[in-house]
C-alpha atoms as a PDB file:
ATOM      1  CA  UNK A   1      -0.052  -0.014  -0.230  1.00  0.00           C
ATOM      2  CA  UNK A   2       1.675   3.481  -1.009  1.00  0.00           C
ATOM      3  CA  UNK A   3       1.634   6.154   1.546  1.00  0.00           C
ATOM      4  CA  UNK A   4       1.328   9.691   1.084  1.00  0.00           C
ATOM      5  CA  UNK A   5       2.903  12.516   2.808  1.00  0.00           C
ATOM      6  CA  UNK A   6       1.595  16.132   2.827  1.00  0.00           C
ATOM      7  CA  UNK A   7       3.761  18.869   3.969  1.00  0.00           C
ATOM      8  CA  UNK A   8       1.153  21.587   4.781  1.00  0.00           C
ATOM      9  CA  UNK A   9       2.143  25.106   5.417  1.00  0.00           C
ATOM     10  CA  UNK A  10       0.204  28.329   5.639  1.00  0.00           C
ATOM     11  CA  UNK A  11       0.706  29.794   1.915  1.00  0.00           C
ATOM     12  CA  UNK A  12       2.329  32.638  -0.102  1.00  0.00           C
ATOM     13  CA  UNK A  13       1.492  34.915  -2.597  1.00  0.00           C
ATOM     14  CA  UNK A  14       2.498  34.100  -5.973  1.00  0.00           C
ATOM     15  CA  UNK A  15       4.250  37.634  -6.734  1.00  0.00           C
ATOM     16  CA  UNK A  16       5.460  40.383  -4.623  1.00  0.00           C
ATOM     17  CA  UNK A  17       2.484  42.586  -6.064  1.00  0.00           C
ATOM     18  CA  UNK A  18      -0.456  44.416  -4.986  1.00  0.00           C
ATOM     19  CA  UNK A  19      -2.579  41.959  -6.927  1.00  0.00           C
ATOM     20  CA  UNK A  20      -1.166  38.910  -5.763  1.00  0.00           C
ATOM     21  CA  UNK A  21      -1.169  39.689  -1.967  1.00  0.00           C
ATOM     22  CA  UNK A  22      -4.933  40.590  -2.418  1.00  0.00           C
ATOM     23  CA  UNK A  23      -5.818  37.618  -3.780  1.00  0.00           C
ATOM     24  CA  UNK A  24      -3.625  35.454  -0.838  1.00  0.00           C
ATOM     25  CA  UNK A  25      -4.924  37.417   1.791  1.00  0.00           C
ATOM     26  CA  UNK A  26      -8.728  37.608   1.150  1.00  0.00           C
ATOM     27  CA  UNK A  27      -8.892  33.577   1.720  1.00  0.00           C
ATOM     28  CA  UNK A  28      -6.464  33.734   4.688  1.00  0.00           C
ATOM     29  CA  UNK A  29      -8.427  36.918   6.494  1.00  0.00           C
ATOM     30  CA  UNK A  30     -11.956  35.260   5.448  1.00  0.00           C
ATOM     31  CA  UNK A  31     -10.886  32.410   7.543  1.00  0.00           C
ATOM     32  CA  UNK A  32     -12.975  31.848  10.699  1.00  0.00           C
ATOM     33  CA  UNK A  33     -10.149  30.320  12.193  1.00  0.00           C
ATOM     34  CA  UNK A  34      -7.858  32.765  12.149  1.00  0.00           C
ATOM     35  CA  UNK A  35     -10.672  35.758  12.828  1.00  0.00           C
ATOM     36  CA  UNK A  36     -12.511  34.170  15.602  1.00  0.00           C
ATOM     37  CA  UNK A  37     -13.806  37.480  17.735  1.00  0.00           C
ATOM     38  CA  UNK A  38     -15.343  39.610  15.175  1.00  0.00           C
ATOM     39  CA  UNK A  39     -18.945  39.201  13.881  1.00  0.00           C
ATOM     40  CA  UNK A  40     -18.652  37.869  10.165  1.00  0.00           C
ATOM     41  CA  UNK A  41     -20.553  40.954   8.898  1.00  0.00           C
ATOM     42  CA  UNK A  42     -18.689  43.534  10.484  1.00  0.00           C
ATOM     43  CA  UNK A  43     -15.785  42.038   9.771  1.00  0.00           C
ATOM     44  CA  UNK A  44     -16.615  41.702   6.086  1.00  0.00           C
ATOM     45  CA  UNK A  45     -16.929  45.561   6.061  1.00  0.00           C
ATOM     46  CA  UNK A  46     -13.730  45.989   7.710  1.00  0.00           C
ATOM     47  CA  UNK A  47     -11.775  43.271   5.639  1.00  0.00           C
ATOM     48  CA  UNK A  48     -13.504  45.054   2.013  1.00  0.00           C
ATOM     49  CA  UNK A  49     -13.367  48.538   2.945  1.00  0.00           C
ATOM     50  CA  UNK A  50      -9.953  48.783   4.976  1.00  0.00           C
ATOM     51  CA  UNK A  51      -7.917  46.225   4.891  1.00  0.00           C
ATOM     52  CA  UNK A  52      -7.894  45.074   1.296  1.00  0.00           C
ATOM     53  CA  UNK A  53      -7.698  48.484  -0.317  1.00  0.00           C
ATOM     54  CA  UNK A  54      -4.754  49.247   1.648  1.00  0.00           C
ATOM     55  CA  UNK A  55      -2.738  46.582   3.530  1.00  0.00           C
ATOM     56  CA  UNK A  56      -1.594  45.123  -0.060  1.00  0.00           C
ATOM     57  CA  UNK A  57       0.457  47.949  -0.781  1.00  0.00           C
ATOM     58  CA  UNK A  58       2.450  47.948   2.440  1.00  0.00           C
ATOM     59  CA  UNK A  59       2.951  43.923   2.203  1.00  0.00           C
ATOM     60  CA  UNK A  60       4.155  44.249  -1.539  1.00  0.00           C
ATOM     61  CA  UNK A  61       6.795  46.690  -0.284  1.00  0.00           C
ATOM     62  CA  UNK A  62       7.913  44.229   2.335  1.00  0.00           C
ATOM     63  CA  UNK A  63       7.714  40.925   0.067  1.00  0.00           C
ATOM     64  CA  UNK A  64       9.743  42.906  -2.359  1.00  0.00           C
ATOM     65  CA  UNK A  65      12.704  42.938   0.286  1.00  0.00           C
ATOM     66  CA  UNK A  66      13.008  39.324   0.807  1.00  0.00           C
ATOM     67  CA  UNK A  67      11.572  38.041  -2.612  1.00  0.00           C
ATOM     68  CA  UNK A  68      14.097  35.369  -4.231  1.00  0.00           C
ATOM     69  CA  UNK A  69      14.648  35.286  -7.880  1.00  0.00           C
ATOM     70  CA  UNK A  70      13.304  31.840  -7.546  1.00  0.00           C
ATOM     71  CA  UNK A  71      10.133  33.090  -6.135  1.00  0.00           C
ATOM     72  CA  UNK A  72       8.696  33.263  -2.308  1.00  0.00           C
ATOM     73  CA  UNK A  73      11.160  32.243   0.060  1.00  0.00           C
ATOM     74  CA  UNK A  74       8.432  29.857   1.572  1.00  0.00           C
ATOM     75  CA  UNK A  75       7.773  28.213  -1.323  1.00  0.00           C
ATOM     76  CA  UNK A  76      11.190  27.811  -2.501  1.00  0.00           C
ATOM     77  CA  UNK A  77      12.202  26.310   0.936  1.00  0.00           C
ATOM     78  CA  UNK A  78       9.172  24.388   0.950  1.00  0.00           C
ATOM     79  CA  UNK A  79      10.157  22.548  -2.209  1.00  0.00           C
ATOM     80  CA  UNK A  80      13.872  22.155  -0.908  1.00  0.00           C
ATOM     81  CA  UNK A  81      12.286  20.256   2.089  1.00  0.00           C
ATOM     82  CA  UNK A  82       9.776  18.038  -0.276  1.00  0.00           C
ATOM     83  CA  UNK A  83      12.742  16.923  -2.017  1.00  0.00           C
ATOM     84  CA  UNK A  84      14.933  16.463   0.819  1.00  0.00           C
ATOM     85  CA  UNK A  85      12.366  14.553   2.792  1.00  0.00           C
ATOM     86  CA  UNK A  86      11.569  12.287  -0.500  1.00  0.00           C
ATOM     87  CA  UNK A  87      15.595  11.384  -0.824  1.00  0.00           C
ATOM     88  CA  UNK A  88      15.636  10.739   3.309  1.00  0.00           C
ATOM     89  CA  UNK A  89      13.037   8.012   2.898  1.00  0.00           C
ATOM     90  CA  UNK A  90      14.488   6.043   0.446  1.00  0.00           C
ATOM     91  CA  UNK A  91      11.297   4.563  -1.040  1.00  0.00           C
ATOM     92  CA  UNK A  92       8.980   4.424  -3.763  1.00  0.00           C
ATOM     93  CA  UNK A  93       6.084   3.534  -1.660  1.00  0.00           C
ATOM     94  CA  UNK A  94       5.789   7.142   0.548  1.00  0.00           C
ATOM     95  CA  UNK A  95       4.852   9.960  -1.933  1.00  0.00           C
ATOM     96  CA  UNK A  96       5.670  13.439  -0.471  1.00  0.00           C
ATOM     97  CA  UNK A  97       3.908  16.419  -1.889  1.00  0.00           C
ATOM     98  CA  UNK A  98       3.246  20.209  -0.387  1.00  0.00           C
ATOM     99  CA  UNK A  99      -0.038  21.670   0.252  1.00  0.00           C
ATOM    100  CA  UNK A 100      -0.857  25.435   1.104  1.00  0.00           C
ATOM    101  CA  UNK A 101      -3.773  26.228   3.346  1.00  0.00           C
ATOM    102  CA  UNK A 102      -4.096  29.565   1.372  1.00  0.00           C
ATOM    103  CA  UNK A 103      -2.820  29.789  -2.323  1.00  0.00           C
ATOM    104  CA  UNK A 104      -1.275  27.141  -4.306  1.00  0.00           C
ATOM    105  CA  UNK A 105      -0.392  24.335  -3.953  1.00  0.00           C
ATOM    106  CA  UNK A 106      -3.619  23.698  -2.647  1.00  0.00           C
ATOM    107  CA  UNK A 107      -5.086  20.613  -0.914  1.00  0.00           C
ATOM    108  CA  UNK A 108      -6.940  19.432  -3.800  1.00  0.00           C
ATOM    109  CA  UNK A 109      -3.819  19.572  -5.861  1.00  0.00           C
ATOM    110  CA  UNK A 110      -1.989  17.859  -3.526  1.00  0.00           C
ATOM    111  CA  UNK A 111      -4.729  15.097  -3.020  1.00  0.00           C
ATOM    112  CA  UNK A 112      -4.777  14.454  -6.820  1.00  0.00           C
ATOM    113  CA  UNK A 113      -0.845  13.980  -7.049  1.00  0.00           C
ATOM    114  CA  UNK A 114      -1.618  11.305  -4.495  1.00  0.00           C
ATOM    115  CA  UNK A 115      -4.482   9.834  -5.803  1.00  0.00           C
ATOM    116  CA  UNK A 116      -2.510   9.248  -9.111  1.00  0.00           C
ATOM    117  CA  UNK A 117      -0.024   7.701  -6.835  1.00  0.00           C
ATOM    118  CA  UNK A 118      -2.629   5.162  -5.805  1.00  0.00           C
ATOM    119  CA  UNK A 119      -1.850   6.401  -1.949  1.00  0.00           C
ATOM    120  CA  UNK A 120      -4.296   4.579   0.240  1.00  0.00           C
ATOM    121  CA  UNK A 121      -3.058   6.524   3.361  1.00  0.00           C
ATOM    122  CA  UNK A 122      -2.070   9.788   3.992  1.00  0.00           C
ATOM    123  CA  UNK A 123       0.224  11.091   6.584  1.00  0.00           C
ATOM    124  CA  UNK A 124      -0.549  15.098   6.993  1.00  0.00           C
ATOM    125  CA  UNK A 125       2.169  17.193   8.708  1.00  0.00           C
ATOM    126  CA  UNK A 126       1.275  20.839   9.211  1.00  0.00           C
ATOM    127  CA  UNK A 127       4.454  22.719   9.631  1.00  0.00           C
ATOM    128  CA  UNK A 128       3.509  24.260  12.834  1.00  0.00           C
ATOM    129  CA  UNK A 129       5.509  22.583  15.783  1.00  0.00           C
ATOM    130  CA  UNK A 130       3.142  24.279  18.206  1.00  0.00           C
ATOM    131  CA  UNK A 131      -0.503  23.455  17.490  1.00  0.00           C
ATOM    132  CA  UNK A 132      -2.990  26.482  17.364  1.00  0.00           C
ATOM    133  CA  UNK A 133      -6.530  26.799  16.231  1.00  0.00           C
ATOM    134  CA  UNK A 134      -5.555  29.542  13.838  1.00  0.00           C
ATOM    135  CA  UNK A 135      -2.883  27.361  11.813  1.00  0.00           C
ATOM    136  CA  UNK A 136      -2.979  23.439  12.418  1.00  0.00           C
ATOM    137  CA  UNK A 137      -6.816  23.511  12.689  1.00  0.00           C
ATOM    138  CA  UNK A 138      -7.115  25.819   9.402  1.00  0.00           C
ATOM    139  CA  UNK A 139      -4.790  22.915   7.921  1.00  0.00           C
ATOM    140  CA  UNK A 140      -7.291  20.296   9.065  1.00  0.00           C
ATOM    141  CA  UNK A 141     -10.288  22.493   7.649  1.00  0.00           C
ATOM    142  CA  UNK A 142      -8.349  22.957   4.280  1.00  0.00           C
ATOM    143  CA  UNK A 143      -7.819  19.282   3.960  1.00  0.00           C
ATOM    144  CA  UNK A 144     -11.393  18.256   4.929  1.00  0.00           C
ATOM    145  CA  UNK A 145     -13.007  20.810   2.453  1.00  0.00           C
ATOM    146  CA  UNK A 146     -10.844  19.116  -0.421  1.00  0.00           C
ATOM    147  CA  UNK A 147     -11.852  15.504   0.651  1.00  0.00           C
ATOM    148  CA  UNK A 148     -15.432  16.464   0.546  1.00  0.00           C
ATOM    149  CA  UNK A 149     -15.111  16.347  -3.112  1.00  0.00           C
ATOM    150  CA  UNK A 150     -13.873  12.663  -3.264  1.00  0.00           C
ATOM    151  CA  UNK A 151     -15.954   9.877  -3.430  1.00  0.00           C
ATOM    152  CA  UNK A 152     -13.571   7.240  -1.918  1.00  0.00           C
ATOM    153  CA  UNK A 153     -11.660   8.482   1.035  1.00  0.00           C
ATOM    154  CA  UNK A 154      -7.967   7.334   1.843  1.00  0.00           C
ATOM    155  CA  UNK A 155      -6.635   6.379   5.552  1.00  0.00           C
ATOM    156  CA  UNK A 156      -5.819   9.907   7.124  1.00  0.00           C
ATOM    157  CA  UNK A 157      -3.142  10.126  10.004  1.00  0.00           C
ATOM    158  CA  UNK A 158      -3.083  13.829  11.049  1.00  0.00           C
ATOM    159  CA  UNK A 159      -0.348  15.084  13.330  1.00  0.00           C
ATOM    160  CA  UNK A 160      -1.263  17.727  15.445  1.00  0.00           C
ATOM    161  CA  UNK A 161       1.843  18.863  16.876  1.00  0.00           C
ATOM    162  CA  UNK A 162       5.687  17.757  17.307  1.00  0.00           C
ATOM    163  CA  UNK A 163       6.894  20.196  19.721  1.00  0.00           C
ATOM    164  CA  UNK A 164       7.885  17.259  21.988  1.00  0.00           C
ATOM    165  CA  UNK A 165       9.259  15.297  19.919  1.00  0.00           C
ATOM    166  CA  UNK A 166      13.203  14.858  20.984  1.00  0.00           C
ATOM    167  CA  UNK A 167      14.407  15.348  17.285  1.00  0.00           C
ATOM    168  CA  UNK A 168      12.636  18.792  17.206  1.00  0.00           C
ATOM    169  CA  UNK A 169      14.324  19.644  20.480  1.00  0.00           C
ATOM    170  CA  UNK A 170      17.478  18.492  19.083  1.00  0.00           C
ATOM    171  CA  UNK A 171      17.220  20.302  15.893  1.00  0.00           C
ATOM    172  CA  UNK A 172      16.423  23.626  17.363  1.00  0.00           C
ATOM    173  CA  UNK A 173      19.262  23.150  20.151  1.00  0.00           C
ATOM    174  CA  UNK A 174      21.741  22.085  17.493  1.00  0.00           C
ATOM    175  CA  UNK A 175      21.159  25.103  15.354  1.00  0.00           C
ATOM    176  CA  UNK A 176      21.458  27.587  18.119  1.00  0.00           C
ATOM    177  CA  UNK A 177      24.869  25.824  18.961  1.00  0.00           C
ATOM    178  CA  UNK A 178      25.930  25.795  15.445  1.00  0.00           C
ATOM    179  CA  UNK A 179      25.131  29.191  15.298  1.00  0.00           C
ATOM    180  CA  UNK A 180      26.834  30.175  18.084  1.00  0.00           C
ATOM    181  CA  UNK A 181      30.040  28.484  17.092  1.00  0.00           C
ATOM    182  CA  UNK A 182      30.178  30.382  13.920  1.00  0.00           C
ATOM    183  CA  UNK A 183      29.019  33.593  15.012  1.00  0.00           C
ATOM    184  CA  UNK A 184      29.701  34.014  18.603  1.00  0.00           C
ATOM    185  CA  UNK A 185      27.093  34.174  21.315  1.00  0.00           C
ATOM    186  CA  UNK A 186      24.926  37.181  22.217  1.00  0.00           C
ATOM    187  CA  UNK A 187      24.031  38.345  25.855  1.00  0.00           C
ATOM    188  CA  UNK A 188      20.319  37.145  25.573  1.00  0.00           C
ATOM    189  CA  UNK A 189      18.762  34.554  23.536  1.00  0.00           C
ATOM    190  CA  UNK A 190      14.970  35.399  22.398  1.00  0.00           C
ATOM    191  CA  UNK A 191      12.609  32.998  21.403  1.00  0.00           C
ATOM    192  CA  UNK A 192      10.241  34.888  19.158  1.00  0.00           C
ATOM    193  CA  UNK A 193       6.630  32.933  18.643  1.00  0.00           C
ATOM    194  CA  UNK A 194       3.960  34.076  16.066  1.00  0.00           C
ATOM    195  CA  UNK A 195       1.344  35.550  18.589  1.00  0.00           C
ATOM    196  CA  UNK A 196      -2.417  35.146  18.705  1.00  0.00           C
ATOM    197  CA  UNK A 197      -5.105  36.924  20.502  1.00  0.00           C
ATOM    198  CA  UNK A 198      -5.385  36.517  24.272  1.00  0.00           C
ATOM    199  CA  UNK A 199      -9.232  35.486  23.937  1.00  0.00           C
ATOM    200  CA  UNK A 200      -8.315  32.600  21.692  1.00  0.00           C
ATOM    201  CA  UNK A 201      -6.467  31.134  24.401  1.00  0.00           C
ATOM    202  CA  UNK A 202      -9.164  32.076  27.127  1.00  0.00           C
ATOM    203  CA  UNK A 203     -11.142  29.952  24.885  1.00  0.00           C
ATOM    204  CA  UNK A 204      -9.246  27.017  25.207  1.00  0.00           C
ATOM    205  CA  UNK A 205      -6.358  27.065  22.647  1.00  0.00           C
ATOM    206  CA  UNK A 206      -3.302  25.568  24.147  1.00  0.00           C
ATOM    207  CA  UNK A 207      -0.758  27.314  21.904  1.00  0.00           C
ATOM    208  CA  UNK A 208       1.090  29.557  24.598  1.00  0.00           C
ATOM    209  CA  UNK A 209       1.578  26.644  26.763  1.00  0.00           C
ATOM    210  CA  UNK A 210       3.215  24.668  24.002  1.00  0.00           C
ATOM    211  CA  UNK A 211       5.199  27.286  23.528  1.00  0.00           C
ATOM    212  CA  UNK A 212       6.489  27.445  26.853  1.00  0.00           C
ATOM    213  CA  UNK A 213       7.110  23.978  27.007  1.00  0.00           C
ATOM    214  CA  UNK A 214       9.459  24.511  23.748  1.00  0.00           C
ATOM    215  CA  UNK A 215      11.546  26.877  25.186  1.00  0.00           C
ATOM    216  CA  UNK A 216      12.024  25.219  28.586  1.00  0.00           C
ATOM    217  CA  UNK A 217      13.080  22.084  26.743  1.00  0.00           C
ATOM    218  CA  UNK A 218      15.557  23.749  24.425  1.00  0.00           C
ATOM    219  CA  UNK A 219      16.793  25.771  27.564  1.00  0.00           C
ATOM    220  CA  UNK A 220      17.364  22.435  29.457  1.00  0.00           C
ATOM    221  CA  UNK A 221      19.230  21.173  26.390  1.00  0.00           C
ATOM    222  CA  UNK A 222      21.494  23.972  26.305  1.00  0.00           C
ATOM    223  CA  UNK A 223      22.007  24.557  30.018  1.00  0.00           C
ATOM    224  CA  UNK A 224      20.884  28.173  29.930  1.00  0.00           C
ATOM    225  CA  UNK A 225      20.499  30.213  33.145  1.00  0.00           C
ATOM    226  CA  UNK A 226      17.295  32.329  33.419  1.00  0.00           C
ATOM    227  CA  UNK A 227      18.859  35.560  32.768  1.00  0.00           C
ATOM    228  CA  UNK A 228      20.404  34.279  29.477  1.00  0.00           C
ATOM    229  CA  UNK A 229      16.954  33.739  27.548  1.00  0.00           C
ATOM    230  CA  UNK A 230      13.634  35.111  27.208  1.00  0.00           C
ATOM    231  CA  UNK A 231      10.164  34.441  25.311  1.00  0.00           C
ATOM    232  CA  UNK A 232       8.183  36.904  23.072  1.00  0.00           C
ATOM    233  CA  UNK A 233       5.363  36.980  20.498  1.00  0.00           C
ATOM    234  CA  UNK A 234       5.314  38.693  17.118  1.00  0.00           C
ATOM    235  CA  UNK A 235       3.044  39.487  14.316  1.00  0.00           C
ATOM    236  CA  UNK A 236       0.201  41.259  16.185  1.00  0.00           C
ATOM    237  CA  UNK A 237      -2.675  42.178  14.168  1.00  0.00           C
ATOM    238  CA  UNK A 238      -5.428  44.778  15.098  1.00  0.00           C
ATOM    239  CA  UNK A 239      -6.026  46.107  18.737  1.00  0.00           C
ATOM    240  CA  UNK A 240      -6.995  43.663  20.801  1.00  0.00           C
ATOM    241  CA  UNK A 241      -4.514  42.127  23.573  1.00  0.00           C
ATOM    242  CA  UNK A 242      -2.236  39.579  21.975  1.00  0.00           C
ATOM    243  CA  UNK A 243      -0.104  37.173  23.650  1.00  0.00           C
ATOM    244  CA  UNK A 244       2.787  39.249  25.447  1.00  0.00           C
ATOM    245  CA  UNK A 245       5.429  40.512  25.724  1.00  0.00           C
ATOM    246  CA  UNK A 246       5.338  42.076  22.081  1.00  0.00           C
ATOM    247  CA  UNK A 247       8.713  41.017  20.379  1.00  0.00           C
ATOM    248  CA  UNK A 248       8.442  44.617  18.823  1.00  0.00           C
ATOM    249  CA  UNK A 249       8.266  46.135  22.276  1.00  0.00           C
ATOM    250  CA  UNK A 250      10.441  44.093  24.133  1.00  0.00           C
ATOM    251  CA  UNK A 251      13.703  44.524  21.926  1.00  0.00           C
ATOM    252  CA  UNK A 252      13.799  48.176  22.278  1.00  0.00           C
ATOM    253  CA  UNK A 253      13.027  47.932  25.897  1.00  0.00           C
ATOM    254  CA  UNK A 254      16.212  45.513  26.421  1.00  0.00           C
ATOM    255  CA  UNK A 255      18.286  47.979  24.124  1.00  0.00           C
ATOM    256  CA  UNK A 256      17.693  51.210  26.461  1.00  0.00           C
ATOM    257  CA  UNK A 257      18.251  48.707  29.700  1.00  0.00           C
ATOM    258  CA  UNK A 258      21.733  48.202  28.466  1.00  0.00           C
ATOM    259  CA  UNK A 259      21.395  44.823  26.345  1.00  0.00           C
ATOM    260  CA  UNK A 260      24.123  45.181  23.548  1.00  0.00           C
ATOM    261  CA  UNK A 261      23.875  41.990  21.422  1.00  0.00           C
ATOM    262  CA  UNK A 262      20.999  39.602  21.158  1.00  0.00           C
ATOM    263  CA  UNK A 263      20.088  36.483  19.266  1.00  0.00           C
ATOM    264  CA  UNK A 264      16.916  35.857  18.017  1.00  0.00           C
ATOM    265  CA  UNK A 265      15.000  32.523  16.820  1.00  0.00           C
ATOM    266  CA  UNK A 266      11.622  31.778  16.062  1.00  0.00           C
ATOM    267  CA  UNK A 267      11.246  27.969  16.785  1.00  0.00           C
ATOM    268  CA  UNK A 268       7.518  27.805  15.546  1.00  0.00           C
ATOM    269  CA  UNK A 269       8.311  28.493  12.091  1.00  0.00           C
ATOM    270  CA  UNK A 270       9.586  25.405  10.134  1.00  0.00           C
ATOM    271  CA  UNK A 271      10.431  27.778   7.326  1.00  0.00           C
ATOM    272  CA  UNK A 272      11.842  31.285   6.829  1.00  0.00           C
ATOM    273  CA  UNK A 273       9.211  33.671   5.382  1.00  0.00           C
ATOM    274  CA  UNK A 274       7.936  37.554   5.674  1.00  0.00           C
ATOM    275  CA  UNK A 275       7.653  37.214   9.509  1.00  0.00           C
ATOM    276  CA  UNK A 276      10.997  36.080  10.014  1.00  0.00           C
ATOM    277  CA  UNK A 277      13.022  37.517   7.054  1.00  0.00           C
ATOM    278  CA  UNK A 278      11.305  40.962   7.194  1.00  0.00           C
ATOM    279  CA  UNK A 279       9.543  41.220  10.166  1.00  0.00           C
ATOM    280  CA  UNK A 280      12.322  40.067  12.356  1.00  0.00           C
ATOM    281  CA  UNK A 281      15.556  40.714  10.649  1.00  0.00           C
ATOM    282  CA  UNK A 282      14.652  44.002   9.323  1.00  0.00           C
ATOM    283  CA  UNK A 283      11.727  45.539  11.332  1.00  0.00           C
ATOM    284  CA  UNK A 284      12.779  44.193  14.655  1.00  0.00           C
ATOM    285  CA  UNK A 285      16.554  44.275  14.386  1.00  0.00           C
ATOM    286  CA  UNK A 286      16.186  48.005  13.306  1.00  0.00           C
ATOM    287  CA  UNK A 287      13.956  48.778  16.410  1.00  0.00           C
ATOM    288  CA  UNK A 288      16.393  47.067  18.584  1.00  0.00           C
ATOM    289  CA  UNK A 289      19.501  48.989  17.367  1.00  0.00           C
ATOM    290  CA  UNK A 290      17.539  52.357  16.861  1.00  0.00           C
ATOM    291  CA  UNK A 291      16.965  51.934  20.857  1.00  0.00           C
ATOM    292  CA  UNK A 292      20.802  51.297  21.330  1.00  0.00           C
ATOM    293  CA  UNK A 293      21.164  47.954  20.887  1.00  0.00           C
ATOM    294  CA  UNK A 294      24.652  47.084  19.051  1.00  0.00           C
ATOM    295  CA  UNK A 295      24.351  43.710  17.655  1.00  0.00           C
ATOM    296  CA  UNK A 296      21.209  41.965  16.346  1.00  0.00           C
ATOM    297  CA  UNK A 297      21.552  38.340  15.061  1.00  0.00           C
ATOM    298  CA  UNK A 298      18.781  36.179  13.600  1.00  0.00           C
ATOM    299  CA  UNK A 299      19.361  32.389  13.945  1.00  0.00           C
ATOM    300  CA  UNK A 300      17.548  30.906  10.627  1.00  0.00           C
ATOM    301  CA  UNK A 301      14.480  28.382  10.497  1.00  0.00           C
ATOM    302  CA  UNK A 302      15.142  24.774  10.426  1.00  0.00           C
ATOM    303  CA  UNK A 303      14.220  24.875   6.693  1.00  0.00           C
ATOM    304  CA  UNK A 304      15.595  22.100   4.976  1.00  0.00           C
ATOM    305  CA  UNK A 305      18.714  21.473   7.028  1.00  0.00           C
ATOM    306  CA  UNK A 306      19.710  17.742   8.000  1.00  0.00           C
ATOM    307  CA  UNK A 307      17.866  17.605  11.635  1.00  0.00           C
ATOM    308  CA  UNK A 308      14.785  19.253  10.598  1.00  0.00           C
ATOM    309  CA  UNK A 309      14.636  16.432   7.547  1.00  0.00           C
ATOM    310  CA  UNK A 310      15.386  13.570  10.065  1.00  0.00           C
ATOM    311  CA  UNK A 311      12.712  14.977  11.831  1.00  0.00           C
ATOM    312  CA  UNK A 312      10.096  15.027   9.492  1.00  0.00           C
ATOM    313  CA  UNK A 313      11.319  11.687   8.093  1.00  0.00           C
ATOM    314  CA  UNK A 314      10.845  10.343  11.743  1.00  0.00           C
ATOM    315  CA  UNK A 315       7.450  11.856  11.987  1.00  0.00           C
ATOM    316  CA  UNK A 316       6.449   9.915   8.960  1.00  0.00           C
ATOM    317  CA  UNK A 317       8.375   6.367   9.618  1.00  0.00           C
ATOM    318  CA  UNK A 318       6.624   6.180  13.087  1.00  0.00           C
ATOM    319  CA  UNK A 319       3.337   6.767  11.519  1.00  0.00           C
ATOM    320  CA  UNK A 320       3.781   4.255   8.478  1.00  0.00           C
END
């Protein structure tokens, strides 16, 4: 029996243009998993009247700063992950493909690829180590919508999270250690995670607990003292309270308090993207240096490095 593997991520615009970004943002910001607290009719007015007419222009400028000649950094890296995982599994009985919750390749495309390969079982790995209703659950919804068109359903194995997996902690810890070996070590290691609204957590989203447990496990592996690391949350949208401290505020505060060098890693991102390459490396770096900091170092996401691929291969083999 052939097995299919879907590596699922959020998605990306097809080009760093206002038109492409607007087409990407609309389904993303229409998702009730992403926007949970605003009445649908009110949100539709806000989205169509305030966000979609204006925000794509700003995002286009940001995407243009990081866009590669091969295309979107997230998609380029995802394709490399797919290729590397296929090679690591070393079998024709497992077919690896990609799917994006928003944009292309879609879940329908991924399912068609696996159906053509006669895959009777599909392992779905959302590339979000820490579960959140805004990301992992949105992957499940997207998959379910695509499966709704199928007459015959394959067996589905869904990986809800993997932040506890020893190979994940090892991969993050080793990436930090290797970075320090090459670039020296800063005065503070900051773990920056994508934030979500506090109200989502109050209704039961377990995301912050998973983030805290991730940091605790990496700190234990690296044997860090309490003064040598911190946790913060980035990418806040809107005016309601999100998980705190906010990375964009925390970094300048630390600089004003005398912090000279900070090393930042974003363990919740399996692939470098706008939030890491532009928001962290450019916006947050500028905020830190402007406030008096001297050195800002971003430790890249795991992307397609060997430890990350070994983790993904283990997640597959454990379920095959």
